[in-house]
Amino acid sequence: MDQGFPKTRRLLRRKDFRLVYDTGTPYRNAGFHLFVRPRENAAWETRIGITTTRDLGPAVLRNRVRRWVRETFRFEYPRLRPGFDLVVNCHRSLPRVSRDEFDRCFRNVLHKADLLVGHAPVR
C-alpha cells in the first residue's frame, strides 16, 4: 500500500485552489469545510489542498492540523474515488480535539461528499 504524499496528490498553485473554491461543491461538518471538484479525467489521481487560518492558533497548532489532515488523507487514499480535486478548510475547534475525533470528523466529511469507495452511509 503506497502511503506517500507526492506532488501529484497535492494542489500547489493558487489558480487550482481558486478553481476548486469557485466551481466545487461544498460539504461541511463540525471540523471541516470541504470543497470537491471533479477533474477533467476521472482516472486521474485525487489531489488535496489544505488551508488553515490564524484563527486556529499559533503556527505549531496550524502545522499539527495540516500534518493530521495529510496523514489521514494518505491513510484513506486507497479508498478514495479517483479524479477529484479537494480543498479542506480547517475549523478553529480542531486543535482542541483528540486525534481519534479528528480522524472521525475528517472521514465523516469524506463520506458526506461520497468520495470513499465501499463506505457505509453516514448516520
Protein backbone atom coordinates (compact mmCIF):
# COMPACT_ATOMS: atom_id res chain seq x y z
CA MET A 1 0.00 0.00 0.00
CA ASP A 2 1.53 3.31 -1.12
CA GLN A 3 1.15 5.87 1.64
CA GLY A 4 3.45 8.54 0.25
CA PHE A 5 2.37 12.10 -0.48
CA PRO A 6 3.89 13.02 -3.86
CA LYS A 7 3.28 16.33 -5.63
CA THR A 8 0.82 14.61 -7.97
CA ARG A 9 -1.57 14.28 -4.99
CA ARG A 10 -1.30 17.91 -3.88
CA LEU A 11 -2.85 21.15 -5.05
CA LEU A 12 0.09 23.51 -5.31
CA ARG A 13 -0.98 26.60 -7.24
CA ARG A 14 -3.32 29.37 -6.18
CA LYS A 15 -5.09 29.00 -9.53
CA ASP A 16 -6.00 25.39 -8.68
CA PHE A 17 -7.30 26.37 -5.23
CA ARG A 18 -9.41 29.20 -6.76
CA LEU A 19 -10.89 26.84 -9.36
CA VAL A 20 -12.00 24.39 -6.65
CA TYR A 21 -13.42 27.19 -4.49
CA ASP A 22 -15.27 28.79 -7.39
CA THR A 23 -16.66 25.69 -9.13
CA GLY A 24 -16.52 22.95 -6.48
CA THR A 25 -19.32 21.59 -4.33
CA PRO A 26 -19.04 22.45 -0.61
CA TYR A 27 -19.55 19.96 2.22
CA ARG A 28 -19.15 20.75 5.88
CA ASN A 29 -19.30 19.33 9.34
CA ALA A 30 -18.16 20.44 12.79
CA GLY A 31 -14.45 20.35 11.91
CA PHE A 32 -14.05 20.85 8.18
CA HIS A 33 -15.36 22.72 5.18
CA LEU A 34 -14.55 20.57 2.14
CA PHE A 35 -14.77 21.75 -1.46
CA VAL A 36 -14.88 19.00 -4.11
CA ARG A 37 -14.43 19.46 -7.85
CA PRO A 38 -14.27 16.65 -10.43
CA ARG A 39 -11.15 16.70 -12.60
CA GLU A 40 -11.26 16.57 -16.40
CA ASN A 41 -10.28 12.91 -16.46
CA ALA A 42 -11.93 10.63 -13.89
CA ALA A 43 -8.91 8.30 -13.97
CA TRP A 44 -6.51 10.98 -12.68
CA GLU A 45 -5.35 10.93 -9.08
CA THR A 46 -7.39 12.71 -6.45
CA ARG A 47 -5.49 15.75 -5.17
CA ILE A 48 -5.84 17.70 -1.92
CA GLY A 49 -5.12 21.24 -0.81
CA ILE A 50 -5.21 22.27 2.86
CA THR A 51 -5.88 25.70 4.32
CA THR A 52 -5.55 26.74 7.94
CA THR A 53 -6.13 30.27 9.19
CA ARG A 54 -4.61 32.05 12.15
CA ASP A 55 -7.92 31.53 13.96
CA LEU A 56 -6.66 28.01 14.74
CA GLY A 57 -3.88 29.41 16.91
CA PRO A 58 -0.12 29.71 16.68
CA ALA A 59 1.92 28.14 13.89
CA VAL A 60 2.66 24.99 15.86
CA LEU A 61 -1.08 24.19 16.09
CA ARG A 62 -1.76 25.07 12.44
CA ASN A 63 1.12 22.84 11.35
CA ARG A 64 -0.15 19.97 13.53
CA VAL A 65 -3.63 20.20 12.00
CA ARG A 66 -2.15 20.21 8.47
CA ARG A 67 0.01 17.17 9.34
CA TRP A 68 -3.03 15.33 10.68
CA VAL A 69 -5.05 16.10 7.52
CA ARG A 70 -2.19 14.87 5.30
CA GLU A 71 -1.75 11.73 7.38
CA THR A 72 -5.46 10.86 7.35
CA PHE A 73 -5.63 11.62 3.61
CA ARG A 74 -2.67 9.29 2.95
CA PHE A 75 -4.26 6.57 5.05
CA GLU A 76 -7.66 6.87 3.31
CA TYR A 77 -6.21 7.40 -0.18
CA PRO A 78 -6.60 3.77 -1.35
CA ARG A 79 -10.35 4.04 -0.62
CA LEU A 80 -10.83 7.46 -2.29
CA ARG A 81 -12.50 7.72 -5.67
CA PRO A 82 -10.05 8.92 -8.34
CA GLY A 83 -10.49 12.07 -10.38
CA PHE A 84 -11.26 14.81 -7.84
CA ASP A 85 -9.62 17.95 -6.51
CA LEU A 86 -10.29 18.64 -2.82
CA VAL A 87 -9.68 21.74 -0.73
CA VAL A 88 -10.01 21.31 3.04
CA ASN A 89 -10.60 24.34 5.26
CA CYS A 90 -9.99 23.50 8.90
CA HIS A 91 -12.23 24.98 11.62
CA ARG A 92 -10.74 26.64 14.66
CA SER A 93 -12.05 23.94 17.02
CA LEU A 94 -9.75 21.25 15.56
CA PRO A 95 -6.61 21.88 17.65
CA ARG A 96 -8.63 21.06 20.80
CA VAL A 97 -9.99 17.66 19.70
CA SER A 98 -8.35 14.28 20.17
CA ARG A 99 -6.69 12.57 17.23
CA ASP A 100 -9.43 9.92 17.11
CA GLU A 101 -12.14 12.58 16.98
CA PHE A 102 -10.18 14.43 14.28
CA ASP A 103 -9.95 11.31 12.09
CA ARG A 104 -13.63 10.51 12.62
CA CYS A 105 -14.61 14.05 11.65
CA PHE A 106 -12.43 14.02 8.50
CA ARG A 107 -13.79 10.65 7.38
CA ASN A 108 -17.31 11.93 8.03
CA VAL A 109 -16.89 14.86 5.64
CA LEU A 110 -15.41 12.50 3.02
CA HIS A 111 -18.50 10.27 3.45
CA LYS A 112 -20.80 13.26 3.01
CA ALA A 113 -19.05 14.07 -0.26
CA ASP A 114 -19.40 10.40 -1.32
CA LEU A 115 -15.67 10.14 -2.01
CA LEU A 116 -14.96 6.85 -0.22
CA VAL A 117 -15.49 3.64 -2.18
CA GLY A 118 -17.43 0.95 -0.35
CA HIS A 119 -18.37 3.06 2.63
CA ALA A 120 -21.41 2.67 4.83
CA PRO A 121 -23.96 5.51 4.79
CA VAL A 122 -23.41 8.36 7.25
CA ARG A 123 -25.82 8.42 10.16
